[in-house]
PDB file of N, CA and C in Angstrom:
ATOM      1  N   UNK A   1       6.224  -6.427  16.005  1.00  0.00           N
ATOM      2  CA  UNK A   1       5.343  -6.903  14.950  1.00  0.00           C
ATOM      3  C   UNK A   1       4.341  -5.809  14.574  1.00  0.00           C
ATOM      4  N   UNK A   2       4.063  -5.771  13.321  1.00  0.00           N
ATOM      5  CA  UNK A   2       3.133  -4.797  12.773  1.00  0.00           C
ATOM      6  C   UNK A   2       2.094  -5.576  11.968  1.00  0.00           C
ATOM      7  N   UNK A   3       0.854  -5.151  11.992  1.00  0.00           N
ATOM      8  CA  UNK A   3      -0.180  -5.796  11.204  1.00  0.00           C
ATOM      9  C   UNK A   3      -0.424  -5.035   9.908  1.00  0.00           C
ATOM     10  N   UNK A   4      -0.906  -5.752   8.905  1.00  0.00           N
ATOM     11  CA  UNK A   4      -1.292  -5.139   7.634  1.00  0.00           C
ATOM     12  C   UNK A   4      -2.735  -5.534   7.361  1.00  0.00           C
ATOM     13  N   UNK A   5      -3.574  -4.523   7.122  1.00  0.00           N
ATOM     14  CA  UNK A   5      -4.968  -4.773   6.786  1.00  0.00           C
ATOM     15  C   UNK A   5      -5.298  -4.081   5.474  1.00  0.00           C
ATOM     16  N   UNK A   6      -6.318  -4.593   4.795  1.00  0.00           N
ATOM     17  CA  UNK A   6      -6.771  -4.009   3.541  1.00  0.00           C
ATOM     18  C   UNK A   6      -8.042  -3.200   3.791  1.00  0.00           C
ATOM     19  N   UNK A   7      -8.057  -2.000   3.249  1.00  0.00           N
ATOM     20  CA  UNK A   7      -9.224  -1.128   3.292  1.00  0.00           C
ATOM     21  C   UNK A   7     -10.382  -1.785   2.546  1.00  0.00           C
ATOM     22  N   UNK A   8     -11.582  -1.599   3.068  1.00  0.00           N
ATOM     23  CA  UNK A   8     -12.805  -2.044   2.391  1.00  0.00           C
ATOM     24  C   UNK A   8     -13.717  -0.837   2.197  1.00  0.00           C
ATOM     25  N   UNK A   9     -14.329  -0.755   1.032  1.00  0.00           N
ATOM     26  CA  UNK A   9     -15.278   0.318   0.763  1.00  0.00           C
ATOM     27  C   UNK A   9     -16.530   0.085   1.598  1.00  0.00           C
ATOM     28  N   UNK A  10     -17.411   1.049   1.596  1.00  0.00           N
ATOM     29  CA  UNK A  10     -18.670   0.895   2.348  1.00  0.00           C
ATOM     30  C   UNK A  10     -19.480  -0.291   1.829  1.00  0.00           C
ATOM     31  N   UNK A  11     -19.332  -0.600   0.545  1.00  0.00           N
ATOM     32  CA  UNK A  11     -20.067  -1.732  -0.040  1.00  0.00           C
ATOM     33  C   UNK A  11     -19.381  -3.072   0.246  1.00  0.00           C
ATOM     34  N   UNK A  12     -18.187  -3.025   0.839  1.00  0.00           N
ATOM     35  CA  UNK A  12     -17.506  -4.257   1.237  1.00  0.00           C
ATOM     36  C   UNK A  12     -16.422  -4.742   0.293  1.00  0.00           C
ATOM     37  N   UNK A  13     -16.237  -4.083  -0.839  1.00  0.00           N
ATOM     38  CA  UNK A  13     -15.171  -4.522  -1.753  1.00  0.00           C
ATOM     39  C   UNK A  13     -13.814  -4.026  -1.262  1.00  0.00           C
ATOM     40  N   UNK A  14     -12.764  -4.696  -1.710  1.00  0.00           N
ATOM     41  CA  UNK A  14     -11.409  -4.336  -1.300  1.00  0.00           C
ATOM     42  C   UNK A  14     -10.565  -4.028  -2.534  1.00  0.00           C
ATOM     43  N   UNK A  15     -10.200  -2.756  -2.752  1.00  0.00           N
ATOM     44  CA  UNK A  15      -9.363  -2.418  -3.896  1.00  0.00           C
ATOM     45  C   UNK A  15      -8.021  -3.152  -3.888  1.00  0.00           C
ATOM     46  N   UNK A  16      -7.486  -3.440  -2.720  1.00  0.00           N
ATOM     47  CA  UNK A  16      -6.200  -4.132  -2.628  1.00  0.00           C
ATOM     48  C   UNK A  16      -6.361  -5.594  -3.049  1.00  0.00           C
ATOM     49  N   UNK A  17      -7.405  -6.250  -2.589  1.00  0.00           N
ATOM     50  CA  UNK A  17      -7.637  -7.636  -3.005  1.00  0.00           C
ATOM     51  C   UNK A  17      -7.859  -7.715  -4.514  1.00  0.00           C
ATOM     52  N   UNK A  18      -8.616  -6.757  -5.052  1.00  0.00           N
ATOM     53  CA  UNK A  18      -8.844  -6.719  -6.505  1.00  0.00           C
ATOM     54  C   UNK A  18      -7.521  -6.565  -7.257  1.00  0.00           C
ATOM     55  N   UNK A  19      -6.657  -5.702  -6.753  1.00  0.00           N
ATOM     56  CA  UNK A  19      -5.349  -5.496  -7.371  1.00  0.00           C
ATOM     57  C   UNK A  19      -4.516  -6.774  -7.312  1.00  0.00           C
ATOM     58  N   UNK A  20      -4.466  -7.403  -6.148  1.00  0.00           N
ATOM     59  CA  UNK A  20      -3.683  -8.633  -5.999  1.00  0.00           C
ATOM     60  C   UNK A  20      -4.208  -9.733  -6.924  1.00  0.00           C
ATOM     61  N   UNK A  21      -5.519  -9.798  -7.093  1.00  0.00           N
ATOM     62  CA  UNK A  21      -6.110 -10.800  -7.986  1.00  0.00           C
ATOM     63  C   UNK A  21      -5.717 -10.567  -9.445  1.00  0.00           C
ATOM     64  N   UNK A  22      -5.357  -9.328  -9.799  1.00  0.00           N
ATOM     65  CA  UNK A  22      -4.991  -9.015 -11.185  1.00  0.00           C
ATOM     66  C   UNK A  22      -3.533  -9.373 -11.510  1.00  0.00           C
ATOM     67  N   UNK A  23      -2.737  -9.697 -10.488  1.00  0.00           N
ATOM     68  CA  UNK A  23      -1.319  -9.999 -10.682  1.00  0.00           C
ATOM     69  C   UNK A  23      -1.116 -11.458 -11.047  1.00  0.00           C
ATOM     70  N   UNK A  24      -0.001 -11.731 -11.735  1.00  0.00           N
ATOM     71  CA  UNK A  24       0.331 -13.140 -11.972  1.00  0.00           C
ATOM     72  C   UNK A  24       0.947 -13.708 -10.689  1.00  0.00           C
ATOM     73  N   UNK A  25       1.173 -14.998 -10.662  1.00  0.00           N
ATOM     74  CA  UNK A  25       1.626 -15.676  -9.440  1.00  0.00           C
ATOM     75  C   UNK A  25       2.947 -15.112  -8.917  1.00  0.00           C
ATOM     76  N   UNK A  26       3.894 -14.862  -9.817  1.00  0.00           N
ATOM     77  CA  UNK A  26       5.217 -14.349  -9.404  1.00  0.00           C
ATOM     78  C   UNK A  26       5.094 -12.958  -8.790  1.00  0.00           C
ATOM     79  N   UNK A  27       4.286 -12.106  -9.424  1.00  0.00           N
ATOM     80  CA  UNK A  27       4.092 -10.745  -8.914  1.00  0.00           C
ATOM     81  C   UNK A  27       3.407 -10.779  -7.548  1.00  0.00           C
ATOM     82  N   UNK A  28       2.351 -11.569  -7.430  1.00  0.00           N
ATOM     83  CA  UNK A  28       1.616 -11.663  -6.167  1.00  0.00           C
ATOM     84  C   UNK A  28       2.513 -12.209  -5.056  1.00  0.00           C
ATOM     85  N   UNK A  29       3.369 -13.164  -5.394  1.00  0.00           N
ATOM     86  CA  UNK A  29       4.288 -13.733  -4.405  1.00  0.00           C
ATOM     87  C   UNK A  29       5.243 -12.664  -3.881  1.00  0.00           C
ATOM     88  N   UNK A  30       5.770 -11.827  -4.756  1.00  0.00           N
ATOM     89  CA  UNK A  30       6.705 -10.774  -4.326  1.00  0.00           C
ATOM     90  C   UNK A  30       5.992  -9.720  -3.483  1.00  0.00           C
ATOM     91  N   UNK A  31       4.786  -9.321  -3.881  1.00  0.00           N
ATOM     92  CA  UNK A  31       4.027  -8.345  -3.093  1.00  0.00           C
ATOM     93  C   UNK A  31       3.757  -8.913  -1.702  1.00  0.00           C
ATOM     94  N   UNK A  32       3.369 -10.164  -1.630  1.00  0.00           N
ATOM     95  CA  UNK A  32       3.106 -10.813  -0.347  1.00  0.00           C
ATOM     96  C   UNK A  32       4.373 -10.881   0.499  1.00  0.00           C
ATOM     97  N   UNK A  33       5.504 -11.159  -0.130  1.00  0.00           N
ATOM     98  CA  UNK A  33       6.780 -11.214   0.586  1.00  0.00           C
ATOM     99  C   UNK A  33       7.119  -9.855   1.205  1.00  0.00           C
ATOM    100  N   UNK A  34       6.915  -8.775   0.443  1.00  0.00           N
ATOM    101  CA  UNK A  34       7.210  -7.431   0.963  1.00  0.00           C
ATOM    102  C   UNK A  34       6.249  -7.085   2.104  1.00  0.00           C
ATOM    103  N   UNK A  35       4.986  -7.438   1.975  1.00  0.00           N
ATOM    104  CA  UNK A  35       4.041  -7.175   3.075  1.00  0.00           C
ATOM    105  C   UNK A  35       4.446  -7.942   4.327  1.00  0.00           C
ATOM    106  N   UNK A  36       4.973  -9.141   4.150  1.00  0.00           N
ATOM    107  CA  UNK A  36       5.451  -9.920   5.299  1.00  0.00           C
ATOM    108  C   UNK A  36       6.637  -9.222   5.971  1.00  0.00           C
ATOM    109  N   UNK A  37       7.534  -8.637   5.166  1.00  0.00           N
ATOM    110  CA  UNK A  37       8.644  -7.867   5.742  1.00  0.00           C
ATOM    111  C   UNK A  37       8.124  -6.736   6.623  1.00  0.00           C
ATOM    112  N   UNK A  38       7.115  -6.038   6.123  1.00  0.00           N
ATOM    113  CA  UNK A  38       6.529  -4.920   6.866  1.00  0.00           C
ATOM    114  C   UNK A  38       5.939  -5.409   8.183  1.00  0.00           C
ATOM    115  N   UNK A  39       5.343  -6.580   8.161  1.00  0.00           N
ATOM    116  CA  UNK A  39       4.764  -7.135   9.384  1.00  0.00           C
ATOM    117  C   UNK A  39       5.832  -7.581  10.373  1.00  0.00           C
ATOM    118  N   UNK A  40       6.916  -8.135   9.880  1.00  0.00           N
ATOM    119  CA  UNK A  40       7.870  -8.808  10.767  1.00  0.00           C
ATOM    120  C   UNK A  40       9.070  -7.976  11.199  1.00  0.00           C
ATOM    121  N   UNK A  41       9.512  -7.030  10.366  1.00  0.00           N
ATOM    122  CA  UNK A  41      10.709  -6.265  10.710  1.00  0.00           C
ATOM    123  C   UNK A  41      10.363  -5.008  11.495  1.00  0.00           C
ATOM    124  N   UNK A  42      11.114  -4.755  12.536  1.00  0.00           N
ATOM    125  CA  UNK A  42      10.931  -3.522  13.318  1.00  0.00           C
ATOM    126  C   UNK A  42      11.262  -2.296  12.468  1.00  0.00           C
ATOM    127  N   UNK A  43      12.378  -2.375  11.748  1.00  0.00           N
ATOM    128  CA  UNK A  43      12.796  -1.276  10.857  1.00  0.00           C
ATOM    129  C   UNK A  43      12.834  -1.817   9.424  1.00  0.00           C
ATOM    130  N   UNK A  44      11.832  -1.430   8.655  1.00  0.00           N
ATOM    131  CA  UNK A  44      11.718  -1.895   7.267  1.00  0.00           C
ATOM    132  C   UNK A  44      12.597  -1.008   6.394  1.00  0.00           C
ATOM    133  N   UNK A  45      13.437  -1.588   5.529  1.00  0.00           N
ATOM    134  CA  UNK A  45      14.268  -0.772   4.636  1.00  0.00           C
ATOM    135  C   UNK A  45      13.411   0.151   3.758  1.00  0.00           C
ATOM    136  N   UNK A  46      13.910   1.371   3.533  1.00  0.00           N
ATOM    137  CA  UNK A  46      13.164   2.359   2.751  1.00  0.00           C
ATOM    138  C   UNK A  46      12.879   1.901   1.330  1.00  0.00           C
ATOM    139  N   UNK A  47      13.640   0.977   0.820  1.00  0.00           N
ATOM    140  CA  UNK A  47      13.371   0.510  -0.536  1.00  0.00           C
ATOM    141  C   UNK A  47      12.036  -0.235  -0.603  1.00  0.00           C
ATOM    142  N   UNK A  48      11.479  -0.633   0.549  1.00  0.00           N
ATOM    143  CA  UNK A  48      10.205  -1.344   0.590  1.00  0.00           C
ATOM    144  C   UNK A  48       9.058  -0.559   1.218  1.00  0.00           C
ATOM    145  N   UNK A  49       9.369   0.371   2.114  1.00  0.00           N
ATOM    146  CA  UNK A  49       8.311   1.038   2.879  1.00  0.00           C
ATOM    147  C   UNK A  49       8.786   2.444   3.222  1.00  0.00           C
ATOM    148  N   UNK A  50       8.070   3.443   2.709  1.00  0.00           N
ATOM    149  CA  UNK A  50       8.550   4.815   2.859  1.00  0.00           C
ATOM    150  C   UNK A  50       7.368   5.781   2.915  1.00  0.00           C
ATOM    151  N   UNK A  51       7.484   6.807   3.760  1.00  0.00           N
ATOM    152  CA  UNK A  51       6.462   7.848   3.841  1.00  0.00           C
ATOM    153  C   UNK A  51       6.565   8.733   2.605  1.00  0.00           C
ATOM    154  N   UNK A  52       5.425   9.113   2.060  1.00  0.00           N
ATOM    155  CA  UNK A  52       5.389   9.997   0.889  1.00  0.00           C
ATOM    156  C   UNK A  52       5.397  11.429   1.391  1.00  0.00           C
ATOM    157  N   UNK A  53       6.442  12.165   1.070  1.00  0.00           N
ATOM    158  CA  UNK A  53       6.532  13.551   1.529  1.00  0.00           C
ATOM    159  C   UNK A  53       5.460  14.398   0.839  1.00  0.00           C
ATOM    160  N   UNK A  54       4.942  15.377   1.575  1.00  0.00           N
ATOM    161  CA  UNK A  54       3.921  16.264   1.041  1.00  0.00           C
ATOM    162  C   UNK A  54       2.524  15.666   1.045  1.00  0.00           C
ATOM    163  N   UNK A  55       2.358  14.516   1.696  1.00  0.00           N
ATOM    164  CA  UNK A  55       1.038  13.881   1.760  1.00  0.00           C
ATOM    165  C   UNK A  55       0.508  13.967   3.193  1.00  0.00           C
ATOM    166  N   UNK A  56      -0.741  13.573   3.351  1.00  0.00           N
ATOM    167  CA  UNK A  56      -1.365  13.527   4.672  1.00  0.00           C
ATOM    168  C   UNK A  56      -1.020  12.196   5.342  1.00  0.00           C
ATOM    169  N   UNK A  57       0.263  12.017   5.639  1.00  0.00           N
ATOM    170  CA  UNK A  57       0.774  10.821   6.329  1.00  0.00           C
ATOM    171  C   UNK A  57       0.451   9.536   5.569  1.00  0.00           C
ATOM    172  N   UNK A  58       0.647   9.567   4.246  1.00  0.00           N
ATOM    173  CA  UNK A  58       0.462   8.389   3.411  1.00  0.00           C
ATOM    174  C   UNK A  58       1.823   7.718   3.220  1.00  0.00           C
ATOM    175  N   UNK A  59       1.834   6.405   3.314  1.00  0.00           N
ATOM    176  CA  UNK A  59       3.040   5.609   3.152  1.00  0.00           C
ATOM    177  C   UNK A  59       2.919   4.762   1.902  1.00  0.00           C
ATOM    178  N   UNK A  60       4.050   4.427   1.291  1.00  0.00           N
ATOM    179  CA  UNK A  60       4.019   3.561   0.118  1.00  0.00           C
ATOM    180  C   UNK A  60       4.791   2.281   0.393  1.00  0.00           C
ATOM    181  N   UNK A  61       4.195   1.190  -0.048  1.00  0.00           N
ATOM    182  CA  UNK A  61       4.861  -0.105  -0.085  1.00  0.00           C
ATOM    183  C   UNK A  61       5.392  -0.221  -1.500  1.00  0.00           C
ATOM    184  N   UNK A  62       6.693  -0.444  -1.631  1.00  0.00           N
ATOM    185  CA  UNK A  62       7.349  -0.451  -2.937  1.00  0.00           C
ATOM    186  C   UNK A  62       7.768  -1.875  -3.291  1.00  0.00           C
ATOM    187  N   UNK A  63       7.302  -2.332  -4.467  1.00  0.00           N
ATOM    188  CA  UNK A  63       7.602  -3.698  -4.894  1.00  0.00           C
ATOM    189  C   UNK A  63       8.091  -3.665  -6.338  1.00  0.00           C
ATOM    190  N   UNK A  64       9.268  -4.228  -6.561  1.00  0.00           N
ATOM    191  CA  UNK A  64       9.812  -4.359  -7.911  1.00  0.00           C
ATOM    192  C   UNK A  64       9.858  -5.839  -8.268  1.00  0.00           C
ATOM    193  N   UNK A  65       9.283  -6.157  -9.430  1.00  0.00           N
ATOM    194  CA  UNK A  65       9.295  -7.533  -9.932  1.00  0.00           C
ATOM    195  C   UNK A  65       9.808  -7.448 -11.361  1.00  0.00           C
ATOM    196  N   UNK A  66      11.057  -7.850 -11.553  1.00  0.00           N
ATOM    197  CA  UNK A  66      11.657  -7.705 -12.878  1.00  0.00           C
ATOM    198  C   UNK A  66      11.705  -6.229 -13.248  1.00  0.00           C
ATOM    199  N   UNK A  67      11.152  -5.884 -14.397  1.00  0.00           N
ATOM    200  CA  UNK A  67      11.121  -4.491 -14.840  1.00  0.00           C
ATOM    201  C   UNK A  67       9.857  -3.756 -14.409  1.00  0.00           C
ATOM    202  N   UNK A  68       8.980  -4.432 -13.705  1.00  0.00           N
ATOM    203  CA  UNK A  68       7.722  -3.819 -13.293  1.00  0.00           C
ATOM    204  C   UNK A  68       7.805  -3.345 -11.842  1.00  0.00           C
ATOM    205  N   UNK A  69       7.123  -2.233 -11.598  1.00  0.00           N
ATOM    206  CA  UNK A  69       7.113  -1.642 -10.275  1.00  0.00           C
ATOM    207  C   UNK A  69       5.674  -1.477  -9.824  1.00  0.00           C
ATOM    208  N   UNK A  70       5.401  -1.900  -8.604  1.00  0.00           N
ATOM    209  CA  UNK A  70       4.062  -1.788  -8.038  1.00  0.00           C
ATOM    210  C   UNK A  70       4.131  -0.961  -6.766  1.00  0.00           C
ATOM    211  N   UNK A  71       3.079  -0.195  -6.518  1.00  0.00           N
ATOM    212  CA  UNK A  71       2.988   0.600  -5.303  1.00  0.00           C
ATOM    213  C   UNK A  71       1.658   0.313  -4.628  1.00  0.00           C
ATOM    214  N   UNK A  72       1.714   0.159  -3.326  1.00  0.00           N
ATOM    215  CA  UNK A  72       0.525   0.033  -2.504  1.00  0.00           C
ATOM    216  C   UNK A  72       0.582   1.180  -1.512  1.00  0.00           C
ATOM    217  N   UNK A  73      -0.450   1.988  -1.471  1.00  0.00           N
ATOM    218  CA  UNK A  73      -0.468   3.157  -0.597  1.00  0.00           C
ATOM    219  C   UNK A  73      -1.355   2.885   0.605  1.00  0.00           C
ATOM    220  N   UNK A  74      -0.960   3.444   1.737  1.00  0.00           N
ATOM    221  CA  UNK A  74      -1.739   3.257   2.952  1.00  0.00           C
ATOM    222  C   UNK A  74      -1.311   4.239   4.025  1.00  0.00           C
ATOM    223  N   UNK A  75      -1.737   3.954   5.229  1.00  0.00           N
ATOM    224  CA  UNK A  75      -1.409   4.820   6.359  1.00  0.00           C
ATOM    225  C   UNK A  75      -1.263   3.969   7.608  1.00  0.00           C
ATOM    226  N   UNK A  76      -0.656   4.552   8.623  1.00  0.00           N
ATOM    227  CA  UNK A  76      -0.494   3.872   9.909  1.00  0.00           C
ATOM    228  C   UNK A  76      -1.651   4.293  10.804  1.00  0.00           C
ATOM    229  N   UNK A  77      -2.468   3.312  11.195  1.00  0.00           N
ATOM    230  CA  UNK A  77      -3.567   3.650  12.111  1.00  0.00           C
ATOM    231  C   UNK A  77      -3.002   3.886  13.507  1.00  0.00           C
ATOM    232  N   UNK A  78      -2.050   3.109  13.868  1.00  0.00           N
ATOM    233  CA  UNK A  78      -1.234   3.338  15.059  1.00  0.00           C
ATOM    234  C   UNK A  78       0.139   2.778  14.705  1.00  0.00           C
ATOM    235  N   UNK A  79       1.032   2.743  15.623  1.00  0.00           N
ATOM    236  CA  UNK A  79       2.387   2.296  15.292  1.00  0.00           C
ATOM    237  C   UNK A  79       2.442   0.829  14.871  1.00  0.00           C
ATOM    238  N   UNK A  80       1.395   0.076  15.134  1.00  0.00           N
ATOM    239  CA  UNK A  80       1.434  -1.369  14.889  1.00  0.00           C
ATOM    240  C   UNK A  80       0.462  -1.859  13.823  1.00  0.00           C
ATOM    241  N   UNK A  81      -0.186  -0.943  13.062  1.00  0.00           N
ATOM    242  CA  UNK A  81      -1.156  -1.377  12.063  1.00  0.00           C
ATOM    243  C   UNK A  81      -1.071  -0.505  10.810  1.00  0.00           C
ATOM    244  N   UNK A  82      -0.856  -1.147   9.669  1.00  0.00           N
ATOM    245  CA  UNK A  82      -0.818  -0.461   8.375  1.00  0.00           C
ATOM    246  C   UNK A  82      -2.113  -0.804   7.647  1.00  0.00           C
ATOM    247  N   UNK A  83      -2.843   0.219   7.225  1.00  0.00           N
ATOM    248  CA  UNK A  83      -4.058   0.029   6.442  1.00  0.00           C
ATOM    249  C   UNK A  83      -3.730   0.387   4.997  1.00  0.00           C
ATOM    250  N   UNK A  84      -3.773  -0.590   4.094  1.00  0.00           N
ATOM    251  CA  UNK A  84      -3.498  -0.348   2.681  1.00  0.00           C
ATOM    252  C   UNK A  84      -4.806   0.018   1.984  1.00  0.00           C
ATOM    253  N   UNK A  85      -4.791   1.151   1.245  1.00  0.00           N
ATOM    254  CA  UNK A  85      -6.033   1.680   0.678  1.00  0.00           C
ATOM    255  C   UNK A  85      -6.047   1.763  -0.847  1.00  0.00           C
ATOM    256  N   UNK A  86      -4.875   1.701  -1.496  1.00  0.00           N
ATOM    257  CA  UNK A  86      -4.817   1.873  -2.952  1.00  0.00           C
ATOM    258  C   UNK A  86      -3.568   1.171  -3.480  1.00  0.00           C
ATOM    259  N   UNK A  87      -3.674   0.598  -4.679  1.00  0.00           N
ATOM    260  CA  UNK A  87      -2.528  -0.082  -5.287  1.00  0.00           C
ATOM    261  C   UNK A  87      -2.566   0.119  -6.797  1.00  0.00           C
ATOM    262  N   UNK A  88      -1.378   0.146  -7.406  1.00  0.00           N
ATOM    263  CA  UNK A  88      -1.300   0.359  -8.850  1.00  0.00           C
ATOM    264  C   UNK A  88       0.070  -0.060  -9.364  1.00  0.00           C
ATOM    265  N   UNK A  89       0.132  -0.255 -10.678  1.00  0.00           N
ATOM    266  CA  UNK A  89       1.403  -0.492 -11.355  1.00  0.00           C
ATOM    267  C   UNK A  89       1.974   0.881 -11.686  1.00  0.00           C
ATOM    268  N   UNK A  90       3.174   1.119 -11.254  1.00  0.00           N
ATOM    269  CA  UNK A  90       3.798   2.426 -11.442  1.00  0.00           C
ATOM    270  C   UNK A  90       4.424   2.500 -12.825  1.00  0.00           C
ATOM    271  N   UNK A  91       4.149   3.621 -13.523  1.00  0.00           N
ATOM    272  CA  UNK A  91       4.634   3.773 -14.894  1.00  0.00           C
ATOM    273  C   UNK A  91       5.606   4.931 -15.065  1.00  0.00           C
ATOM    274  N   UNK A  92       5.791   5.727 -14.017  1.00  0.00           N
ATOM    275  CA  UNK A  92       6.725   6.853 -14.112  1.00  0.00           C
ATOM    276  C   UNK A  92       7.483   6.986 -12.794  1.00  0.00           C
ATOM    277  N   UNK A  93       8.446   7.877 -12.758  1.00  0.00           N
ATOM    278  CA  UNK A  93       9.260   8.059 -11.558  1.00  0.00           C
ATOM    279  C   UNK A  93       8.446   8.547 -10.367  1.00  0.00           C
ATOM    280  N   UNK A  94       7.584   9.531 -10.608  1.00  0.00           N
ATOM    281  CA  UNK A  94       6.820  10.124  -9.514  1.00  0.00           C
ATOM    282  C   UNK A  94       5.452   9.466  -9.396  1.00  0.00           C
ATOM    283  N   UNK A  95       4.952   9.431  -8.180  1.00  0.00           N
ATOM    284  CA  UNK A  95       3.591   8.954  -7.958  1.00  0.00           C
ATOM    285  C   UNK A  95       2.649  10.088  -8.340  1.00  0.00           C
ATOM    286  N   UNK A  96       1.627   9.759  -9.120  1.00  0.00           N
ATOM    287  CA  UNK A  96       0.672  10.781  -9.548  1.00  0.00           C
ATOM    288  C   UNK A  96      -0.071  11.359  -8.348  1.00  0.00           C
ATOM    289  N   UNK A  97      -0.324  12.662  -8.393  1.00  0.00           N
ATOM    290  CA  UNK A  97      -1.068  13.322  -7.316  1.00  0.00           C
ATOM    291  C   UNK A  97      -2.457  12.706  -7.151  1.00  0.00           C
ATOM    292  N   UNK A  98      -3.059  12.270  -8.259  1.00  0.00           N
ATOM    293  CA  UNK A  98      -4.393  11.660  -8.189  1.00  0.00           C
ATOM    294  C   UNK A  98      -4.363  10.389  -7.345  1.00  0.00           C
ATOM    295  N   UNK A  99      -3.286   9.610  -7.420  1.00  0.00           N
ATOM    296  CA  UNK A  99      -3.168   8.395  -6.607  1.00  0.00           C
ATOM    297  C   UNK A  99      -3.035   8.749  -5.127  1.00  0.00           C
ATOM    298  N   UNK A 100      -2.261   9.777  -4.836  1.00  0.00           N
ATOM    299  CA  UNK A 100      -2.097  10.210  -3.440  1.00  0.00           C
ATOM    300  C   UNK A 100      -3.419  10.750  -2.899  1.00  0.00           C
ATOM    301  N   UNK A 101      -4.114  11.552  -3.686  1.00  0.00           N
ATOM    302  CA  UNK A 101      -5.402  12.123  -3.246  1.00  0.00           C
ATOM    303  C   UNK A 101      -6.427  11.020  -2.991  1.00  0.00           C
ATOM    304  N   UNK A 102      -6.448   9.997  -3.850  1.00  0.00           N
ATOM    305  CA  UNK A 102      -7.364   8.877  -3.640  1.00  0.00           C
ATOM    306  C   UNK A 102      -7.045   8.171  -2.328  1.00  0.00           C
ATOM    307  N   UNK A 103      -5.771   7.945  -2.058  1.00  0.00           N
ATOM    308  CA  UNK A 103      -5.368   7.309  -0.800  1.00  0.00           C
ATOM    309  C   UNK A 103      -5.771   8.178   0.398  1.00  0.00           C
ATOM    310  N   UNK A 104      -5.596   9.484   0.284  1.00  0.00           N
ATOM    311  CA  UNK A 104      -5.975  10.388   1.375  1.00  0.00           C
ATOM    312  C   UNK A 104      -7.489  10.380   1.598  1.00  0.00           C
ATOM    313  N   UNK A 105      -8.263  10.344   0.509  1.00  0.00           N
ATOM    314  CA  UNK A 105      -9.733  10.278   0.629  1.00  0.00           C
ATOM    315  C   UNK A 105     -10.168   8.989   1.318  1.00  0.00           C
ATOM    316  N   UNK A 106      -9.557   7.871   0.912  1.00  0.00           N
ATOM    317  CA  UNK A 106      -9.922   6.590   1.528  1.00  0.00           C
ATOM    318  C   UNK A 106      -9.497   6.541   2.997  1.00  0.00           C
ATOM    319  N   UNK A 107      -8.368   7.143   3.308  1.00  0.00           N
ATOM    320  CA  UNK A 107      -7.928   7.207   4.703  1.00  0.00           C
ATOM    321  C   UNK A 107      -8.955   7.974   5.532  1.00  0.00           C
ATOM    322  N   UNK A 108      -9.356   9.139   5.039  1.00  0.00           N
ATOM    323  CA  UNK A 108     -10.324   9.976   5.755  1.00  0.00           C
ATOM    324  C   UNK A 108     -11.645   9.223   5.940  1.00  0.00           C
ATOM    325  N   UNK A 109     -12.095   8.549   4.887  1.00  0.00           N
ATOM    326  CA  UNK A 109     -13.348   7.793   4.955  1.00  0.00           C
ATOM    327  C   UNK A 109     -13.217   6.641   5.957  1.00  0.00           C
ATOM    328  N   UNK A 110     -12.105   5.937   5.941  1.00  0.00           N
ATOM    329  CA  UNK A 110     -11.872   4.837   6.873  1.00  0.00           C
ATOM    330  C   UNK A 110     -11.898   5.324   8.325  1.00  0.00           C
ATOM    331  N   UNK A 111     -11.200   6.414   8.584  1.00  0.00           N
ATOM    332  CA  UNK A 111     -11.106   6.919   9.959  1.00  0.00           C
ATOM    333  C   UNK A 111     -12.425   7.514  10.461  1.00  0.00           C
ATOM    334  N   UNK A 112     -13.312   7.919   9.541  1.00  0.00           N
ATOM    335  CA  UNK A 112     -14.593   8.502   9.956  1.00  0.00           C
ATOM    336  C   UNK A 112     -15.606   7.430  10.355  1.00  0.00           C
ATOM    337  N   UNK A 113     -15.342   6.174  10.036  1.00  0.00           N
ATOM    338  CA  UNK A 113     -16.282   5.083  10.396  1.00  0.00           C
ATOM    339  C   UNK A 113     -16.167   4.704  11.846  1.00  0.00           C
TER     340      UNK A 113
END
């Protein structure tokens, strides 16, 4: 079993919760289903959970709902805990470097607390 937690800023807000609140019911249900897979499966299929090459150990949760694609970025605090730090609707094939850098900054800030 693996746990999934949402990053909180120093002020206490959660970018992941804000993102989930912006989704419609069907989209939120699919994102929640994929997060449950990550929690329950020992080996999560790469179509749902994959390390981003060239990053500072950032992982992506991949969710497709119809023609829309969502990404949640995070890191492994240890082998049993995923901290999700950034989420967005993906509009192109590649993840923007700015999204990866934001996830890396939030990871560094989280680990420094």
